[in-house]
Amino acid sequence: MADEDSDDEDEPAVTLGDGDPVEGAPLARVSARLMYGIERSAVIEREGETTVRTPDGPQELAAVLEDVDVPYFATRQEFESTTREAIGTGPVPTTEE
């Protein structure tokens, strides 16, 4: 019976596509690298050049944060929700051949 269980573990839980990887990092990955509370300017200094995935395609985080009026993020949730308001929500475009 143990052999049957190990076969299931070799397969991914979600079927992955064969297309090119999506450019940019997920916002959650970027926000996990920061310590909170943090000033918006410190986020730009540390992660501003990082390309994040958005519904409009990949964008540098510094460009996204230009549209944000919040000077200080007390929590990770505040950073993510504020940034998502600026970039929008929806599917991230992929390139298909």
PDB file of N, CA and C in Angstrom:
ATOM      1  N   MET A   1       0.819  -1.199   0.000  1.00  0.00           N
ATOM      2  CA  MET A   1       0.000   0.000   0.000  1.00  0.00           C
ATOM      3  C   MET A   1       0.862   1.262   0.000  1.00  0.00           C
ATOM      4  N   ALA A   2       2.025   1.183   0.603  1.00  0.00           N
ATOM      5  CA  ALA A   2       2.919   2.337   0.639  1.00  0.00           C
ATOM      6  C   ALA A   2       3.380   2.716  -0.760  1.00  0.00           C
ATOM      7  N   ASP A   3       3.537   1.722  -1.645  1.00  0.00           N
ATOM      8  CA  ASP A   3       3.952   2.003  -3.018  1.00  0.00           C
ATOM      9  C   ASP A   3       2.908   2.810  -3.762  1.00  0.00           C
ATOM     10  N   GLU A   4       1.645   2.532  -3.507  1.00  0.00           N
ATOM     11  CA  GLU A   4       0.571   3.273  -4.176  1.00  0.00           C
ATOM     12  C   GLU A   4       0.581   4.738  -3.762  1.00  0.00           C
ATOM     13  N   ASP A   5       0.815   5.006  -2.483  1.00  0.00           N
ATOM     14  CA  ASP A   5       0.846   6.386  -1.990  1.00  0.00           C
ATOM     15  C   ASP A   5       2.024   7.154  -2.581  1.00  0.00           C
ATOM     16  N   SER A   6       3.164   6.501  -2.728  1.00  0.00           N
ATOM     17  CA  SER A   6       4.334   7.203  -3.242  1.00  0.00           C
ATOM     18  C   SER A   6       4.159   7.577  -4.708  1.00  0.00           C
ATOM     19  N   ASP A   7       3.374   6.798  -5.472  1.00  0.00           N
ATOM     20  CA  ASP A   7       3.106   7.142  -6.866  1.00  0.00           C
ATOM     21  C   ASP A   7       2.343   8.451  -6.964  1.00  0.00           C
ATOM     22  N   ASP A   8       1.401   8.679  -6.048  1.00  0.00           N
ATOM     23  CA  ASP A   8       0.617   9.914  -6.053  1.00  0.00           C
ATOM     24  C   ASP A   8       1.477  11.128  -5.733  1.00  0.00           C
ATOM     25  N   GLU A   9       2.485  10.946  -4.912  1.00  0.00           N
ATOM     26  CA  GLU A   9       3.332  12.066  -4.516  1.00  0.00           C
ATOM     27  C   GLU A   9       4.233  12.537  -5.653  1.00  0.00           C
ATOM     28  N   ASP A  10       4.496  11.685  -6.630  1.00  0.00           N
ATOM     29  CA  ASP A  10       5.346  12.056  -7.755  1.00  0.00           C
ATOM     30  C   ASP A  10       4.643  12.967  -8.742  1.00  0.00           C
ATOM     31  N   GLU A  11       3.326  12.974  -8.735  1.00  0.00           N
ATOM     32  CA  GLU A  11       2.553  13.795  -9.665  1.00  0.00           C
ATOM     33  C   GLU A  11       2.204  15.124  -9.004  1.00  0.00           C
ATOM     34  N   PRO A  12       2.250  16.219  -9.763  1.00  0.00           N
ATOM     35  CA  PRO A  12       1.885  17.510  -9.170  1.00  0.00           C
ATOM     36  C   PRO A  12       0.393  17.547  -8.828  1.00  0.00           C
ATOM     37  N   ALA A  13       0.061  18.306  -7.797  1.00  0.00           N
ATOM     38  CA  ALA A  13      -1.336  18.435  -7.384  1.00  0.00           C
ATOM     39  C   ALA A  13      -2.146  19.177  -8.438  1.00  0.00           C
ATOM     40  N   VAL A  14      -1.493  20.049  -9.181  1.00  0.00           N
ATOM     41  CA  VAL A  14      -2.136  20.828 -10.234  1.00  0.00           C
ATOM     42  C   VAL A  14      -1.363  20.576 -11.522  1.00  0.00           C
ATOM     43  N   THR A  15      -2.075  20.325 -12.593  1.00  0.00           N
ATOM     44  CA  THR A  15      -1.407  20.118 -13.867  1.00  0.00           C
ATOM     45  C   THR A  15      -0.834  21.435 -14.346  1.00  0.00           C
ATOM     46  N   LEU A  16       0.450  21.430 -14.656  1.00  0.00           N
ATOM     47  CA  LEU A  16       1.119  22.636 -15.105  1.00  0.00           C
ATOM     48  C   LEU A  16       1.144  22.675 -16.617  1.00  0.00           C
ATOM     49  N   GLY A  17       1.042  23.869 -17.175  1.00  0.00           N
ATOM     50  CA  GLY A  17       1.080  24.034 -18.621  1.00  0.00           C
ATOM     51  C   GLY A  17       2.485  23.878 -19.170  1.00  0.00           C
ATOM     52  N   ASP A  18       2.584  23.739 -20.473  1.00  0.00           N
ATOM     53  CA  ASP A  18       3.871  23.596 -21.126  1.00  0.00           C
ATOM     54  C   ASP A  18       4.390  24.912 -21.666  1.00  0.00           C
ATOM     55  N   GLY A  19       3.667  26.015 -21.478  1.00  0.00           N
ATOM     56  CA  GLY A  19       4.052  27.308 -22.037  1.00  0.00           C
ATOM     57  C   GLY A  19       5.228  27.931 -21.318  1.00  0.00           C
ATOM     58  N   ASP A  20       5.628  29.092 -21.813  1.00  0.00           N
ATOM     59  CA  ASP A  20       6.726  29.833 -21.212  1.00  0.00           C
ATOM     60  C   ASP A  20       6.322  30.311 -19.820  1.00  0.00           C
ATOM     61  N   PRO A  21       7.287  30.429 -18.910  1.00  0.00           N
ATOM     62  CA  PRO A  21       6.953  30.948 -17.583  1.00  0.00           C
ATOM     63  C   PRO A  21       6.503  32.410 -17.669  1.00  0.00           C
ATOM     64  N   VAL A  22       5.667  32.812 -16.730  1.00  0.00           N
ATOM     65  CA  VAL A  22       5.174  34.179 -16.683  1.00  0.00           C
ATOM     66  C   VAL A  22       6.280  35.068 -16.133  1.00  0.00           C
ATOM     67  N   GLU A  23       6.497  36.205 -16.789  1.00  0.00           N
ATOM     68  CA  GLU A  23       7.548  37.121 -16.362  1.00  0.00           C
ATOM     69  C   GLU A  23       7.131  37.849 -15.093  1.00  0.00           C
ATOM     70  N   GLY A  24       8.075  38.020 -14.202  1.00  0.00           N
ATOM     71  CA  GLY A  24       7.832  38.760 -12.971  1.00  0.00           C
ATOM     72  C   GLY A  24       7.567  37.836 -11.795  1.00  0.00           C
ATOM     73  N   ALA A  25       7.683  38.414 -10.618  1.00  0.00           N
ATOM     74  CA  ALA A  25       7.456  37.676  -9.377  1.00  0.00           C
ATOM     75  C   ALA A  25       6.048  37.945  -8.868  1.00  0.00           C
ATOM     76  N   PRO A  26       5.447  36.962  -8.211  1.00  0.00           N
ATOM     77  CA  PRO A  26       4.151  37.226  -7.577  1.00  0.00           C
ATOM     78  C   PRO A  26       4.329  38.261  -6.459  1.00  0.00           C
ATOM     79  N   LEU A  27       3.334  39.116  -6.276  1.00  0.00           N
ATOM     80  CA  LEU A  27       3.402  40.148  -5.240  1.00  0.00           C
ATOM     81  C   LEU A  27       3.637  39.537  -3.865  1.00  0.00           C
ATOM     82  N   ALA A  28       3.030  38.401  -3.580  1.00  0.00           N
ATOM     83  CA  ALA A  28       3.192  37.762  -2.272  1.00  0.00           C
ATOM     84  C   ALA A  28       4.644  37.381  -2.002  1.00  0.00           C
ATOM     85  N   ARG A  29       5.378  36.988  -3.035  1.00  0.00           N
ATOM     86  CA  ARG A  29       6.791  36.629  -2.853  1.00  0.00           C
ATOM     87  C   ARG A  29       7.598  37.869  -2.487  1.00  0.00           C
ATOM     88  N   VAL A  30       7.309  38.969  -3.136  1.00  0.00           N
ATOM     89  CA  VAL A  30       8.023  40.210  -2.836  1.00  0.00           C
ATOM     90  C   VAL A  30       7.686  40.681  -1.427  1.00  0.00           C
ATOM     91  N   SER A  31       6.421  40.652  -1.073  1.00  0.00           N
ATOM     92  CA  SER A  31       6.020  41.140   0.252  1.00  0.00           C
ATOM     93  C   SER A  31       6.580  40.271   1.369  1.00  0.00           C
ATOM     94  N   ALA A  32       6.824  38.994   1.099  1.00  0.00           N
ATOM     95  CA  ALA A  32       7.382  38.101   2.115  1.00  0.00           C
ATOM     96  C   ALA A  32       8.836  38.441   2.431  1.00  0.00           C
ATOM     97  N   ARG A  33       9.518  39.111   1.517  1.00  0.00           N
ATOM     98  CA  ARG A  33      10.926  39.461   1.734  1.00  0.00           C
ATOM     99  C   ARG A  33      11.096  40.729   2.573  1.00  0.00           C
ATOM    100  N   LEU A  34      10.019  41.421   2.869  1.00  0.00           N
ATOM    101  CA  LEU A  34      10.098  42.690   3.596  1.00  0.00           C
ATOM    102  C   LEU A  34       9.750  42.504   5.061  1.00  0.00           C
ATOM    103  N   MET A  35      10.235  43.422   5.890  1.00  0.00           N
ATOM    104  CA  MET A  35       9.901  43.453   7.316  1.00  0.00           C
ATOM    105  C   MET A  35       8.964  44.636   7.541  1.00  0.00           C
ATOM    106  N   TYR A  36       7.939  44.440   8.330  1.00  0.00           N
ATOM    107  CA  TYR A  36       6.912  45.463   8.544  1.00  0.00           C
ATOM    108  C   TYR A  36       6.954  45.960   9.964  1.00  0.00           C
ATOM    109  N   GLY A  37       6.616  47.223  10.190  1.00  0.00           N
ATOM    110  CA  GLY A  37       6.295  48.376   9.427  1.00  0.00           C
ATOM    111  C   GLY A  37       7.483  48.866   8.610  1.00  0.00           C
ATOM    112  N   ILE A  38       7.143  49.333   7.451  1.00  0.00           N
ATOM    113  CA  ILE A  38       8.160  49.788   6.518  1.00  0.00           C
ATOM    114  C   ILE A  38       7.629  50.971   5.722  1.00  0.00           C
ATOM    115  N   GLU A  39       8.498  51.932   5.470  1.00  0.00           N
ATOM    116  CA  GLU A  39       8.124  53.099   4.677  1.00  0.00           C
ATOM    117  C   GLU A  39       8.098  52.732   3.199  1.00  0.00           C
ATOM    118  N   ARG A  40       7.233  53.402   2.462  1.00  0.00           N
ATOM    119  CA  ARG A  40       7.129  53.166   1.016  1.00  0.00           C
ATOM    120  C   ARG A  40       8.478  53.410   0.346  1.00  0.00           C
ATOM    121  N   SER A  41       9.176  54.451   0.766  1.00  0.00           N
ATOM    122  CA  SER A  41      10.488  54.750   0.177  1.00  0.00           C
ATOM    123  C   SER A  41      11.490  53.616   0.416  1.00  0.00           C
ATOM    124  N   ALA A  42      11.415  52.952   1.570  1.00  0.00           N
ATOM    125  CA  ALA A  42      12.303  51.821   1.854  1.00  0.00           C
ATOM    126  C   ALA A  42      11.960  50.623   0.976  1.00  0.00           C
ATOM    127  N   VAL A  43      10.686  50.424   0.709  1.00  0.00           N
ATOM    128  CA  VAL A  43      10.274  49.341  -0.189  1.00  0.00           C
ATOM    129  C   VAL A  43      10.837  49.605  -1.583  1.00  0.00           C
ATOM    130  N   ILE A  44      10.724  50.841  -2.036  1.00  0.00           N
ATOM    131  CA  ILE A  44      11.244  51.199  -3.360  1.00  0.00           C
ATOM    132  C   ILE A  44      12.753  51.015  -3.404  1.00  0.00           C
ATOM    133  N   GLU A  45      13.435  51.405  -2.341  1.00  0.00           N
ATOM    134  CA  GLU A  45      14.896  51.265  -2.289  1.00  0.00           C
ATOM    135  C   GLU A  45      15.312  49.799  -2.342  1.00  0.00           C
ATOM    136  N   ARG A  46      14.617  48.944  -1.605  1.00  0.00           N
ATOM    137  CA  ARG A  46      15.001  47.533  -1.514  1.00  0.00           C
ATOM    138  C   ARG A  46      14.492  46.682  -2.675  1.00  0.00           C
ATOM    139  N   GLU A  47      13.249  46.904  -3.103  1.00  0.00           N
ATOM    140  CA  GLU A  47      12.617  46.019  -4.086  1.00  0.00           C
ATOM    141  C   GLU A  47      12.098  46.745  -5.318  1.00  0.00           C
ATOM    142  N   GLY A  48      12.403  48.026  -5.458  1.00  0.00           N
ATOM    143  CA  GLY A  48      11.844  48.826  -6.543  1.00  0.00           C
ATOM    144  C   GLY A  48      12.125  48.309  -7.935  1.00  0.00           C
ATOM    145  N   GLU A  49      13.287  47.689  -8.130  1.00  0.00           N
ATOM    146  CA  GLU A  49      13.643  47.176  -9.454  1.00  0.00           C
ATOM    147  C   GLU A  49      13.048  45.805  -9.736  1.00  0.00           C
ATOM    148  N   THR A  50      12.404  45.207  -8.741  1.00  0.00           N
ATOM    149  CA  THR A  50      11.801  43.895  -8.915  1.00  0.00           C
ATOM    150  C   THR A  50      10.597  44.004  -9.836  1.00  0.00           C
ATOM    151  N   THR A  51      10.519  43.111 -10.792  1.00  0.00           N
ATOM    152  CA  THR A  51       9.378  43.059 -11.696  1.00  0.00           C
ATOM    153  C   THR A  51       8.315  42.176 -11.067  1.00  0.00           C
ATOM    154  N   VAL A  52       7.101  42.712 -10.957  1.00  0.00           N
ATOM    155  CA  VAL A  52       5.988  41.951 -10.395  1.00  0.00           C
ATOM    156  C   VAL A  52       4.966  41.653 -11.487  1.00  0.00           C
ATOM    157  N   ARG A  53       4.211  40.576 -11.273  1.00  0.00           N
ATOM    158  CA  ARG A  53       3.154  40.187 -12.202  1.00  0.00           C
ATOM    159  C   ARG A  53       1.919  41.038 -11.934  1.00  0.00           C
ATOM    160  N   THR A  54       1.329  41.562 -12.999  1.00  0.00           N
ATOM    161  CA  THR A  54       0.100  42.331 -12.868  1.00  0.00           C
ATOM    162  C   THR A  54      -0.853  41.921 -13.989  1.00  0.00           C
ATOM    163  N   PRO A  55      -2.136  42.229 -13.865  1.00  0.00           N
ATOM    164  CA  PRO A  55      -3.079  41.930 -14.948  1.00  0.00           C
ATOM    165  C   PRO A  55      -2.740  42.656 -16.253  1.00  0.00           C
ATOM    166  N   ASP A  56      -1.974  43.750 -16.160  1.00  0.00           N
ATOM    167  CA  ASP A  56      -1.569  44.500 -17.356  1.00  0.00           C
ATOM    168  C   ASP A  56      -0.203  44.065 -17.873  1.00  0.00           C
ATOM    169  N   GLY A  57       0.331  42.993 -17.335  1.00  0.00           N
ATOM    170  CA  GLY A  57       1.656  42.533 -17.713  1.00  0.00           C
ATOM    171  C   GLY A  57       2.674  42.890 -16.651  1.00  0.00           C
ATOM    172  N   PRO A  58       3.913  42.458 -16.824  1.00  0.00           N
ATOM    173  CA  PRO A  58       4.935  42.712 -15.807  1.00  0.00           C
ATOM    174  C   PRO A  58       5.254  44.203 -15.674  1.00  0.00           C
ATOM    175  N   GLN A  59       5.443  44.643 -14.417  1.00  0.00           N
ATOM    176  CA  GLN A  59       5.791  46.034 -14.142  1.00  0.00           C
ATOM    177  C   GLN A  59       6.804  46.068 -13.000  1.00  0.00           C
ATOM    178  N   GLU A  60       7.672  47.085 -13.018  1.00  0.00           N
ATOM    179  CA  GLU A  60       8.580  47.265 -11.883  1.00  0.00           C
ATOM    180  C   GLU A  60       7.782  47.765 -10.691  1.00  0.00           C
ATOM    181  N   LEU A  61       8.124  47.251  -9.518  1.00  0.00           N
ATOM    182  CA  LEU A  61       7.412  47.628  -8.303  1.00  0.00           C
ATOM    183  C   LEU A  61       7.484  49.126  -8.041  1.00  0.00           C
ATOM    184  N   ALA A  62       8.616  49.760  -8.328  1.00  0.00           N
ATOM    185  CA  ALA A  62       8.748  51.210  -8.114  1.00  0.00           C
ATOM    186  C   ALA A  62       7.708  51.972  -8.922  1.00  0.00           C
ATOM    187  N   ALA A  63       7.457  51.545 -10.161  1.00  0.00           N
ATOM    188  CA  ALA A  63       6.461  52.215 -11.003  1.00  0.00           C
ATOM    189  C   ALA A  63       5.063  52.017 -10.438  1.00  0.00           C
ATOM    190  N   VAL A  64       4.790  50.842  -9.906  1.00  0.00           N
ATOM    191  CA  VAL A  64       3.483  50.567  -9.300  1.00  0.00           C
ATOM    192  C   VAL A  64       3.284  51.446  -8.075  1.00  0.00           C
ATOM    193  N   LEU A  65       4.311  51.557  -7.246  1.00  0.00           N
ATOM    194  CA  LEU A  65       4.182  52.316  -5.996  1.00  0.00           C
ATOM    195  C   LEU A  65       4.117  53.822  -6.208  1.00  0.00           C
ATOM    196  N   GLU A  66       4.427  54.303  -7.407  1.00  0.00           N
ATOM    197  CA  GLU A  66       4.256  55.725  -7.700  1.00  0.00           C
ATOM    198  C   GLU A  66       2.787  56.125  -7.599  1.00  0.00           C
ATOM    199  N   ASP A  67       1.886  55.185  -7.858  1.00  0.00           N
ATOM    200  CA  ASP A  67       0.450  55.449  -7.800  1.00  0.00           C
ATOM    201  C   ASP A  67      -0.140  55.260  -6.412  1.00  0.00           C
ATOM    202  N   VAL A  68       0.695  54.922  -5.434  1.00  0.00           N
ATOM    203  CA  VAL A  68       0.239  54.656  -4.070  1.00  0.00           C
ATOM    204  C   VAL A  68       0.533  55.862  -3.198  1.00  0.00           C
ATOM    205  N   ASP A  69      -0.490  56.331  -2.479  1.00  0.00           N
ATOM    206  CA  ASP A  69      -0.332  57.505  -1.615  1.00  0.00           C
ATOM    207  C   ASP A  69       0.021  57.159  -0.169  1.00  0.00           C
ATOM    208  N   VAL A  70       0.098  55.888   0.156  1.00  0.00           N
ATOM    209  CA  VAL A  70       0.382  55.464   1.524  1.00  0.00           C
ATOM    210  C   VAL A  70       1.894  55.576   1.771  1.00  0.00           C
ATOM    211  N   PRO A  71       2.308  56.370   2.777  1.00  0.00           N
ATOM    212  CA  PRO A  71       3.747  56.546   3.019  1.00  0.00           C
ATOM    213  C   PRO A  71       4.372  55.443   3.875  1.00  0.00           C
ATOM    214  N   TYR A  72       3.529  54.639   4.566  1.00  0.00           N
ATOM    215  CA  TYR A  72       4.039  53.666   5.533  1.00  0.00           C
ATOM    216  C   TYR A  72       3.112  52.459   5.560  1.00  0.00           C
ATOM    217  N   PHE A  73       3.694  51.270   5.508  1.00  0.00           N
ATOM    218  CA  PHE A  73       2.913  50.029   5.573  1.00  0.00           C
ATOM    219  C   PHE A  73       3.171  49.370   6.915  1.00  0.00           C
ATOM    220  N   ALA A  74       2.158  49.342   7.758  1.00  0.00           N
ATOM    221  CA  ALA A  74       2.298  48.773   9.096  1.00  0.00           C
ATOM    222  C   ALA A  74       2.353  47.248   9.059  1.00  0.00           C
ATOM    223  N   THR A  75       1.642  46.634   8.100  1.00  0.00           N
ATOM    224  CA  THR A  75       1.580  45.179   8.019  1.00  0.00           C
ATOM    225  C   THR A  75       1.751  44.710   6.580  1.00  0.00           C
ATOM    226  N   ARG A  76       2.049  43.439   6.450  1.00  0.00           N
ATOM    227  CA  ARG A  76       2.148  42.830   5.117  1.00  0.00           C
ATOM    228  C   ARG A  76       0.811  42.919   4.391  1.00  0.00           C
ATOM    229  N   GLN A  77      -0.266  42.693   5.106  1.00  0.00           N
ATOM    230  CA  GLN A  77      -1.600  42.756   4.508  1.00  0.00           C
ATOM    231  C   GLN A  77      -1.890  44.144   3.961  1.00  0.00           C
ATOM    232  N   GLU A  78      -1.483  45.177   4.696  1.00  0.00           N
ATOM    233  CA  GLU A  78      -1.691  46.540   4.234  1.00  0.00           C
ATOM    234  C   GLU A  78      -0.900  46.807   2.951  1.00  0.00           C
ATOM    235  N   PHE A  79       0.354  46.339   2.908  1.00  0.00           N
ATOM    236  CA  PHE A  79       1.174  46.510   1.710  1.00  0.00           C
ATOM    237  C   PHE A  79       0.529  45.799   0.521  1.00  0.00           C
ATOM    238  N   GLU A  80       0.142  44.547   0.705  1.00  0.00           N
ATOM    239  CA  GLU A  80      -0.426  43.774  -0.399  1.00  0.00           C
ATOM    240  C   GLU A  80      -1.753  44.346  -0.879  1.00  0.00           C
ATOM    241  N   SER A  81      -2.645  44.710   0.028  1.00  0.00           N
ATOM    242  CA  SER A  81      -3.953  45.220  -0.396  1.00  0.00           C
ATOM    243  C   SER A  81      -3.814  46.579  -1.086  1.00  0.00           C
ATOM    244  N   THR A  82      -2.946  47.432  -0.572  1.00  0.00           N
ATOM    245  CA  THR A  82      -2.730  48.741  -1.193  1.00  0.00           C
ATOM    246  C   THR A  82      -2.116  48.589  -2.579  1.00  0.00           C
ATOM    247  N   THR A  83      -1.143  47.711  -2.701  1.00  0.00           N
ATOM    248  CA  THR A  83      -0.486  47.498  -3.991  1.00  0.00           C
ATOM    249  C   THR A  83      -1.451  46.854  -4.980  1.00  0.00           C
ATOM    250  N   ARG A  84      -2.264  45.914  -4.531  1.00  0.00           N
ATOM    251  CA  ARG A  84      -3.247  45.281  -5.425  1.00  0.00           C
ATOM    252  C   ARG A  84      -4.286  46.299  -5.917  1.00  0.00           C
ATOM    253  N   GLU A  85      -4.639  47.275  -5.081  1.00  0.00           N
ATOM    254  CA  GLU A  85      -5.542  48.343  -5.533  1.00  0.00           C
ATOM    255  C   GLU A  85      -4.912  49.111  -6.690  1.00  0.00           C
ATOM    256  N   ALA A  86      -3.597  49.301  -6.637  1.00  0.00           N
ATOM    257  CA  ALA A  86      -2.902  50.049  -7.690  1.00  0.00           C
ATOM    258  C   ALA A  86      -2.752  49.237  -8.978  1.00  0.00           C
ATOM    259  N   ILE A  87      -2.495  47.924  -8.846  1.00  0.00           N
ATOM    260  CA  ILE A  87      -2.265  47.118 -10.050  1.00  0.00           C
ATOM    261  C   ILE A  87      -3.529  46.445 -10.561  1.00  0.00           C
ATOM    262  N   GLY A  88      -4.539  46.358  -9.706  1.00  0.00           N
ATOM    263  CA  GLY A  88      -5.767  45.676 -10.105  1.00  0.00           C
ATOM    264  C   GLY A  88      -5.681  44.184  -9.828  1.00  0.00           C
ATOM    265  N   THR A  89      -6.801  43.527  -9.998  1.00  0.00           N
ATOM    266  CA  THR A  89      -6.848  42.081  -9.810  1.00  0.00           C
ATOM    267  C   THR A  89      -7.371  41.453 -11.083  1.00  0.00           C
ATOM    268  N   GLY A  90      -7.032  40.232 -11.268  1.00  0.00           N
ATOM    269  CA  GLY A  90      -7.474  39.522 -12.460  1.00  0.00           C
ATOM    270  C   GLY A  90      -6.389  38.600 -12.943  1.00  0.00           C
ATOM    271  N   PRO A  91      -6.655  37.906 -14.027  1.00  0.00           N
ATOM    272  CA  PRO A  91      -5.656  36.959 -14.520  1.00  0.00           C
ATOM    273  C   PRO A  91      -4.413  37.656 -15.052  1.00  0.00           C
ATOM    274  N   VAL A  92      -3.279  37.033 -14.839  1.00  0.00           N
ATOM    275  CA  VAL A  92      -2.013  37.537 -15.346  1.00  0.00           C
ATOM    276  C   VAL A  92      -1.839  36.978 -16.747  1.00  0.00           C
ATOM    277  N   PRO A  93      -1.575  37.844 -17.724  1.00  0.00           N
ATOM    278  CA  PRO A  93      -1.438  37.359 -19.103  1.00  0.00           C
ATOM    279  C   PRO A  93      -0.224  36.457 -19.274  1.00  0.00           C
ATOM    280  N   THR A  94      -0.403  35.451 -20.099  1.00  0.00           N
ATOM    281  CA  THR A  94       0.693  34.553 -20.451  1.00  0.00           C
ATOM    282  C   THR A  94       0.888  34.627 -21.958  1.00  0.00           C
ATOM    283  N   THR A  95       2.045  34.231 -22.399  1.00  0.00           N
ATOM    284  CA  THR A  95       2.291  34.211 -23.835  1.00  0.00           C
ATOM    285  C   THR A  95       1.999  32.822 -24.358  1.00  0.00           C
ATOM    286  N   GLU A  96       1.223  32.760 -25.411  1.00  0.00           N
ATOM    287  CA  GLU A  96       0.906  31.479 -26.021  1.00  0.00           C
ATOM    288  C   GLU A  96       1.381  31.512 -27.463  1.00  0.00           C
ATOM    289  N   GLU A  97       1.875  30.388 -27.894  1.00  0.00           N
ATOM    290  CA  GLU A  97       2.361  30.312 -29.271  1.00  0.00           C
ATOM    291  C   GLU A  97       1.305  29.743 -30.172  1.00  0.00           C
TER     292      GLU A  97
END
